[in-house]
């Protein structure tokens, strides 16, 4: 899991203007128990794509 997260962080850096890598990274971080980091990346994903219902729902679950 750690290796996957490290690779995804690299992809996020390379594609920092795209929402999807942030969402995938957040999913992996959530699975790894890194809730705060996951929330941060979900928020960045949502900033880049405000209409992403899945991310909106996931954030609502995590923040309540």
PDB file of N, CA and C in Angstrom:
ATOM      1  N   UNK A   1       0.830  -1.190   0.000  1.00  0.00           N
ATOM      2  CA  UNK A   1       0.000   0.000   0.000  1.00  0.00           C
ATOM      3  C   UNK A   1       0.879   1.259   0.000  1.00  0.00           C
ATOM      4  N   UNK A   2       1.937   1.241   0.810  1.00  0.00           N
ATOM      5  CA  UNK A   2       2.819   2.412   0.881  1.00  0.00           C
ATOM      6  C   UNK A   2       3.448   2.702  -0.478  1.00  0.00           C
ATOM      7  N   UNK A   3       3.869   1.658  -1.157  1.00  0.00           N
ATOM      8  CA  UNK A   3       4.494   1.839  -2.463  1.00  0.00           C
ATOM      9  C   UNK A   3       3.497   2.437  -3.461  1.00  0.00           C
ATOM     10  N   UNK A   4       2.274   1.959  -3.425  1.00  0.00           N
ATOM     11  CA  UNK A   4       1.237   2.495  -4.314  1.00  0.00           C
ATOM     12  C   UNK A   4       0.983   3.972  -4.017  1.00  0.00           C
ATOM     13  N   UNK A   5       0.928   4.319  -2.751  1.00  0.00           N
ATOM     14  CA  UNK A   5       0.711   5.718  -2.363  1.00  0.00           C
ATOM     15  C   UNK A   5       1.866   6.586  -2.841  1.00  0.00           C
ATOM     16  N   UNK A   6       3.083   6.093  -2.704  1.00  0.00           N
ATOM     17  CA  UNK A   6       4.253   6.855  -3.171  1.00  0.00           C
ATOM     18  C   UNK A   6       4.186   7.083  -4.682  1.00  0.00           C
ATOM     19  N   UNK A   7       3.790   6.067  -5.421  1.00  0.00           N
ATOM     20  CA  UNK A   7       3.672   6.195  -6.878  1.00  0.00           C
ATOM     21  C   UNK A   7       2.568   7.185  -7.223  1.00  0.00           C
ATOM     22  N   UNK A   8       1.449   7.089  -6.521  1.00  0.00           N
ATOM     23  CA  UNK A   8       0.349   8.016  -6.783  1.00  0.00           C
ATOM     24  C   UNK A   8       0.725   9.458  -6.451  1.00  0.00           C
ATOM     25  N   UNK A   9       1.525   9.662  -5.426  1.00  0.00           N
ATOM     26  CA  UNK A   9       1.989  11.017  -5.107  1.00  0.00           C
ATOM     27  C   UNK A   9       2.824  11.573  -6.254  1.00  0.00           C
ATOM     28  N   UNK A  10       3.639  10.726  -6.855  1.00  0.00           N
ATOM     29  CA  UNK A  10       4.439  11.135  -8.010  1.00  0.00           C
ATOM     30  C   UNK A  10       3.527  11.500  -9.183  1.00  0.00           C
ATOM     31  N   UNK A  11       2.500  10.693  -9.415  1.00  0.00           N
ATOM     32  CA  UNK A  11       1.549  10.966 -10.502  1.00  0.00           C
ATOM     33  C   UNK A  11       0.813  12.278 -10.256  1.00  0.00           C
ATOM     34  N   UNK A  12       0.415  12.523  -9.003  1.00  0.00           N
ATOM     35  CA  UNK A  12      -0.258  13.780  -8.663  1.00  0.00           C
ATOM     36  C   UNK A  12       0.652  14.963  -8.970  1.00  0.00           C
ATOM     37  N   UNK A  13       1.926  14.853  -8.653  1.00  0.00           N
ATOM     38  CA  UNK A  13       2.860  15.940  -8.947  1.00  0.00           C
ATOM     39  C   UNK A  13       2.978  16.169 -10.449  1.00  0.00           C
ATOM     40  N   UNK A  14       2.995  15.083 -11.203  1.00  0.00           N
ATOM     41  CA  UNK A  14       3.142  15.186 -12.657  1.00  0.00           C
ATOM     42  C   UNK A  14       1.868  15.698 -13.328  1.00  0.00           C
ATOM     43  N   UNK A  15       0.739  15.441 -12.704  1.00  0.00           N
ATOM     44  CA  UNK A  15      -0.570  15.803 -13.287  1.00  0.00           C
ATOM     45  C   UNK A  15      -1.349  16.679 -12.321  1.00  0.00           C
ATOM     46  N   UNK A  16      -0.721  17.684 -11.781  1.00  0.00           N
ATOM     47  CA  UNK A  16      -1.312  18.464 -10.695  1.00  0.00           C
ATOM     48  C   UNK A  16      -2.542  19.268 -11.099  1.00  0.00           C
ATOM     49  N   UNK A  17      -2.805  19.379 -12.382  1.00  0.00           N
ATOM     50  CA  UNK A  17      -3.993  20.129 -12.819  1.00  0.00           C
ATOM     51  C   UNK A  17      -5.167  19.212 -13.168  1.00  0.00           C
ATOM     52  N   UNK A  18      -5.032  17.915 -12.859  1.00  0.00           N
ATOM     53  CA  UNK A  18      -6.099  16.955 -13.135  1.00  0.00           C
ATOM     54  C   UNK A  18      -6.669  16.428 -11.821  1.00  0.00           C
ATOM     55  N   UNK A  19      -7.981  16.302 -11.761  1.00  0.00           N
ATOM     56  CA  UNK A  19      -8.655  15.908 -10.525  1.00  0.00           C
ATOM     57  C   UNK A  19      -8.522  14.430 -10.210  1.00  0.00           C
ATOM     58  N   UNK A  20      -8.505  13.590 -11.232  1.00  0.00           N
ATOM     59  CA  UNK A  20      -8.593  12.148 -11.018  1.00  0.00           C
ATOM     60  C   UNK A  20      -7.447  11.568 -10.177  1.00  0.00           C
ATOM     61  N   UNK A  21      -6.199  11.923 -10.435  1.00  0.00           N
ATOM     62  CA  UNK A  21      -5.121  11.368  -9.593  1.00  0.00           C
ATOM     63  C   UNK A  21      -5.291  11.703  -8.107  1.00  0.00           C
ATOM     64  N   UNK A  22      -5.808  12.881  -7.816  1.00  0.00           N
ATOM     65  CA  UNK A  22      -6.030  13.252  -6.413  1.00  0.00           C
ATOM     66  C   UNK A  22      -7.079  12.336  -5.773  1.00  0.00           C
ATOM     67  N   UNK A  23      -8.114  12.009  -6.521  1.00  0.00           N
ATOM     68  CA  UNK A  23      -9.160  11.125  -5.999  1.00  0.00           C
ATOM     69  C   UNK A  23      -8.625   9.722  -5.740  1.00  0.00           C
ATOM     70  N   UNK A  24      -7.854   9.210  -6.669  1.00  0.00           N
ATOM     71  CA  UNK A  24      -7.296   7.866  -6.506  1.00  0.00           C
ATOM     72  C   UNK A  24      -6.327   7.840  -5.328  1.00  0.00           C
ATOM     73  N   UNK A  25      -5.479   8.851  -5.224  1.00  0.00           N
ATOM     74  CA  UNK A  25      -4.551   8.926  -4.094  1.00  0.00           C
ATOM     75  C   UNK A  25      -5.335   8.974  -2.785  1.00  0.00           C
ATOM     76  N   UNK A  26      -6.386   9.756  -2.740  1.00  0.00           N
ATOM     77  CA  UNK A  26      -7.205   9.852  -1.529  1.00  0.00           C
ATOM     78  C   UNK A  26      -7.810   8.501  -1.167  1.00  0.00           C
ATOM     79  N   UNK A  27      -8.275   7.748  -2.156  1.00  0.00           N
ATOM     80  CA  UNK A  27      -8.839   6.419  -1.902  1.00  0.00           C
ATOM     81  C   UNK A  27      -7.805   5.504  -1.249  1.00  0.00           C
ATOM     82  N   UNK A  28      -6.613   5.493  -1.795  1.00  0.00           N
ATOM     83  CA  UNK A  28      -5.551   4.649  -1.237  1.00  0.00           C
ATOM     84  C   UNK A  28      -5.169   5.112   0.165  1.00  0.00           C
ATOM     85  N   UNK A  29      -5.082   6.422   0.355  1.00  0.00           N
ATOM     86  CA  UNK A  29      -4.736   6.938   1.682  1.00  0.00           C
ATOM     87  C   UNK A  29      -5.808   6.563   2.695  1.00  0.00           C
ATOM     88  N   UNK A  30      -7.049   6.620   2.300  1.00  0.00           N
ATOM     89  CA  UNK A  30      -8.135   6.248   3.195  1.00  0.00           C
ATOM     90  C   UNK A  30      -8.021   4.774   3.586  1.00  0.00           C
ATOM     91  N   UNK A  31      -7.745   3.927   2.627  1.00  0.00           N
ATOM     92  CA  UNK A  31      -7.577   2.500   2.892  1.00  0.00           C
ATOM     93  C   UNK A  31      -6.383   2.237   3.809  1.00  0.00           C
ATOM     94  N   UNK A  32      -5.382   3.098   3.739  1.00  0.00           N
ATOM     95  CA  UNK A  32      -4.182   2.940   4.563  1.00  0.00           C
ATOM     96  C   UNK A  32      -4.331   3.603   5.928  1.00  0.00           C
ATOM     97  N   UNK A  33      -5.503   4.174   6.204  1.00  0.00           N
ATOM     98  CA  UNK A  33      -5.729   4.806   7.494  1.00  0.00           C
ATOM     99  C   UNK A  33      -5.221   6.232   7.589  1.00  0.00           C
ATOM    100  N   UNK A  34      -4.918   6.839   6.469  1.00  0.00           N
ATOM    101  CA  UNK A  34      -4.410   8.215   6.442  1.00  0.00           C
ATOM    102  C   UNK A  34      -5.564   9.181   6.138  1.00  0.00           C
ATOM    103  N   UNK A  35      -6.494   9.238   7.061  1.00  0.00           N
ATOM    104  CA  UNK A  35      -7.743   9.978   6.854  1.00  0.00           C
ATOM    105  C   UNK A  35      -7.511  11.463   6.561  1.00  0.00           C
ATOM    106  N   UNK A  36      -6.663  12.124   7.326  1.00  0.00           N
ATOM    107  CA  UNK A  36      -6.439  13.557   7.130  1.00  0.00           C
ATOM    108  C   UNK A  36      -5.859  13.853   5.754  1.00  0.00           C
ATOM    109  N   UNK A  37      -4.902  13.038   5.331  1.00  0.00           N
ATOM    110  CA  UNK A  37      -4.303  13.210   4.009  1.00  0.00           C
ATOM    111  C   UNK A  37      -5.341  12.937   2.920  1.00  0.00           C
ATOM    112  N   UNK A  38      -6.170  11.924   3.133  1.00  0.00           N
ATOM    113  CA  UNK A  38      -7.217  11.597   2.164  1.00  0.00           C
ATOM    114  C   UNK A  38      -8.179  12.770   2.004  1.00  0.00           C
ATOM    115  N   UNK A  39      -8.595  13.359   3.101  1.00  0.00           N
ATOM    116  CA  UNK A  39      -9.504  14.513   3.047  1.00  0.00           C
ATOM    117  C   UNK A  39      -8.862  15.651   2.260  1.00  0.00           C
ATOM    118  N   UNK A  40      -7.602  15.910   2.526  1.00  0.00           N
ATOM    119  CA  UNK A  40      -6.885  16.977   1.827  1.00  0.00           C
ATOM    120  C   UNK A  40      -6.893  16.732   0.310  1.00  0.00           C
ATOM    121  N   UNK A  41      -6.651  15.498  -0.107  1.00  0.00           N
ATOM    122  CA  UNK A  41      -6.601  15.200  -1.536  1.00  0.00           C
ATOM    123  C   UNK A  41      -7.982  15.132  -2.168  1.00  0.00           C
ATOM    124  N   UNK A  42      -8.981  14.692  -1.419  1.00  0.00           N
ATOM    125  CA  UNK A  42     -10.353  14.768  -1.927  1.00  0.00           C
ATOM    126  C   UNK A  42     -10.743  16.225  -2.170  1.00  0.00           C
ATOM    127  N   UNK A  43     -10.370  17.105  -1.251  1.00  0.00           N
ATOM    128  CA  UNK A  43     -10.697  18.518  -1.401  1.00  0.00           C
ATOM    129  C   UNK A  43     -10.007  19.117  -2.620  1.00  0.00           C
ATOM    130  N   UNK A  44      -8.763  18.729  -2.854  1.00  0.00           N
ATOM    131  CA  UNK A  44      -8.044  19.221  -4.039  1.00  0.00           C
ATOM    132  C   UNK A  44      -8.716  18.699  -5.303  1.00  0.00           C
ATOM    133  N   UNK A  45      -9.118  17.446  -5.299  1.00  0.00           N
ATOM    134  CA  UNK A  45      -9.824  16.869  -6.443  1.00  0.00           C
ATOM    135  C   UNK A  45     -11.109  17.640  -6.711  1.00  0.00           C
ATOM    136  N   UNK A  46     -11.834  17.949  -5.661  1.00  0.00           N
ATOM    137  CA  UNK A  46     -13.093  18.671  -5.786  1.00  0.00           C
ATOM    138  C   UNK A  46     -12.868  20.108  -6.264  1.00  0.00           C
ATOM    139  N   UNK A  47     -11.773  20.698  -5.848  1.00  0.00           N
ATOM    140  CA  UNK A  47     -11.420  22.038  -6.315  1.00  0.00           C
ATOM    141  C   UNK A  47     -11.236  22.036  -7.842  1.00  0.00           C
ATOM    142  N   UNK A  48     -10.634  20.967  -8.358  1.00  0.00           N
ATOM    143  CA  UNK A  48     -10.388  20.857  -9.795  1.00  0.00           C
ATOM    144  C   UNK A  48     -11.617  20.388 -10.574  1.00  0.00           C
ATOM    145  N   UNK A  49     -12.517  19.685  -9.902  1.00  0.00           N
ATOM    146  CA  UNK A  49     -13.733  19.186 -10.539  1.00  0.00           C
ATOM    147  C   UNK A  49     -14.892  19.281  -9.541  1.00  0.00           C
ATOM    148  N   UNK A  50     -15.479  20.464  -9.412  1.00  0.00           N
ATOM    149  CA  UNK A  50     -16.519  20.690  -8.402  1.00  0.00           C
ATOM    150  C   UNK A  50     -17.791  19.864  -8.588  1.00  0.00           C
ATOM    151  N   UNK A  51     -17.961  19.247  -9.734  1.00  0.00           N
ATOM    152  CA  UNK A  51     -19.177  18.482 -10.015  1.00  0.00           C
ATOM    153  C   UNK A  51     -19.028  16.987  -9.752  1.00  0.00           C
ATOM    154  N   UNK A  52     -17.954  16.572  -9.142  1.00  0.00           N
ATOM    155  CA  UNK A  52     -17.709  15.145  -8.911  1.00  0.00           C
ATOM    156  C   UNK A  52     -18.518  14.679  -7.695  1.00  0.00           C
ATOM    157  N   UNK A  53     -19.658  14.081  -7.968  1.00  0.00           N
ATOM    158  CA  UNK A  53     -20.575  13.653  -6.907  1.00  0.00           C
ATOM    159  C   UNK A  53     -19.949  12.617  -5.970  1.00  0.00           C
ATOM    160  N   UNK A  54     -19.163  11.703  -6.511  1.00  0.00           N
ATOM    161  CA  UNK A  54     -18.543  10.667  -5.678  1.00  0.00           C
ATOM    162  C   UNK A  54     -17.615  11.295  -4.634  1.00  0.00           C
ATOM    163  N   UNK A  55     -16.843  12.267  -5.049  1.00  0.00           N
ATOM    164  CA  UNK A  55     -15.935  12.940  -4.116  1.00  0.00           C
ATOM    165  C   UNK A  55     -16.718  13.755  -3.092  1.00  0.00           C
ATOM    166  N   UNK A  56     -17.769  14.407  -3.522  1.00  0.00           N
ATOM    167  CA  UNK A  56     -18.609  15.176  -2.601  1.00  0.00           C
ATOM    168  C   UNK A  56     -19.171  14.251  -1.520  1.00  0.00           C
ATOM    169  N   UNK A  57     -19.699  13.117  -1.936  1.00  0.00           N
ATOM    170  CA  UNK A  57     -20.266  12.154  -0.990  1.00  0.00           C
ATOM    171  C   UNK A  57     -19.208  11.604  -0.043  1.00  0.00           C
ATOM    172  N   UNK A  58     -18.050  11.288  -0.566  1.00  0.00           N
ATOM    173  CA  UNK A  58     -16.978  10.738   0.265  1.00  0.00           C
ATOM    174  C   UNK A  58     -16.538  11.761   1.319  1.00  0.00           C
ATOM    175  N   UNK A  59     -16.400  13.009   0.916  1.00  0.00           N
ATOM    176  CA  UNK A  59     -16.030  14.061   1.872  1.00  0.00           C
ATOM    177  C   UNK A  59     -17.097  14.235   2.950  1.00  0.00           C
ATOM    178  N   UNK A  60     -18.355  14.176   2.562  1.00  0.00           N
ATOM    179  CA  UNK A  60     -19.429  14.312   3.540  1.00  0.00           C
ATOM    180  C   UNK A  60     -19.342  13.197   4.575  1.00  0.00           C
ATOM    181  N   UNK A  61     -19.063  12.000   4.126  1.00  0.00           N
ATOM    182  CA  UNK A  61     -18.932  10.866   5.067  1.00  0.00           C
ATOM    183  C   UNK A  61     -17.752  11.060   6.003  1.00  0.00           C
ATOM    184  N   UNK A  62     -16.638  11.507   5.458  1.00  0.00           N
ATOM    185  CA  UNK A  62     -15.408  11.630   6.255  1.00  0.00           C
ATOM    186  C   UNK A  62     -15.453  12.793   7.241  1.00  0.00           C
ATOM    187  N   UNK A  63     -16.135  13.840   6.876  1.00  0.00           N
ATOM    188  CA  UNK A  63     -16.121  15.038   7.715  1.00  0.00           C
ATOM    189  C   UNK A  63     -17.238  15.065   8.752  1.00  0.00           C
ATOM    190  N   UNK A  64     -18.100  14.056   8.738  1.00  0.00           N
ATOM    191  CA  UNK A  64     -19.180  14.012   9.741  1.00  0.00           C
ATOM    192  C   UNK A  64     -19.042  12.836  10.650  1.00  0.00           C
TER     193      UNK A  64
END
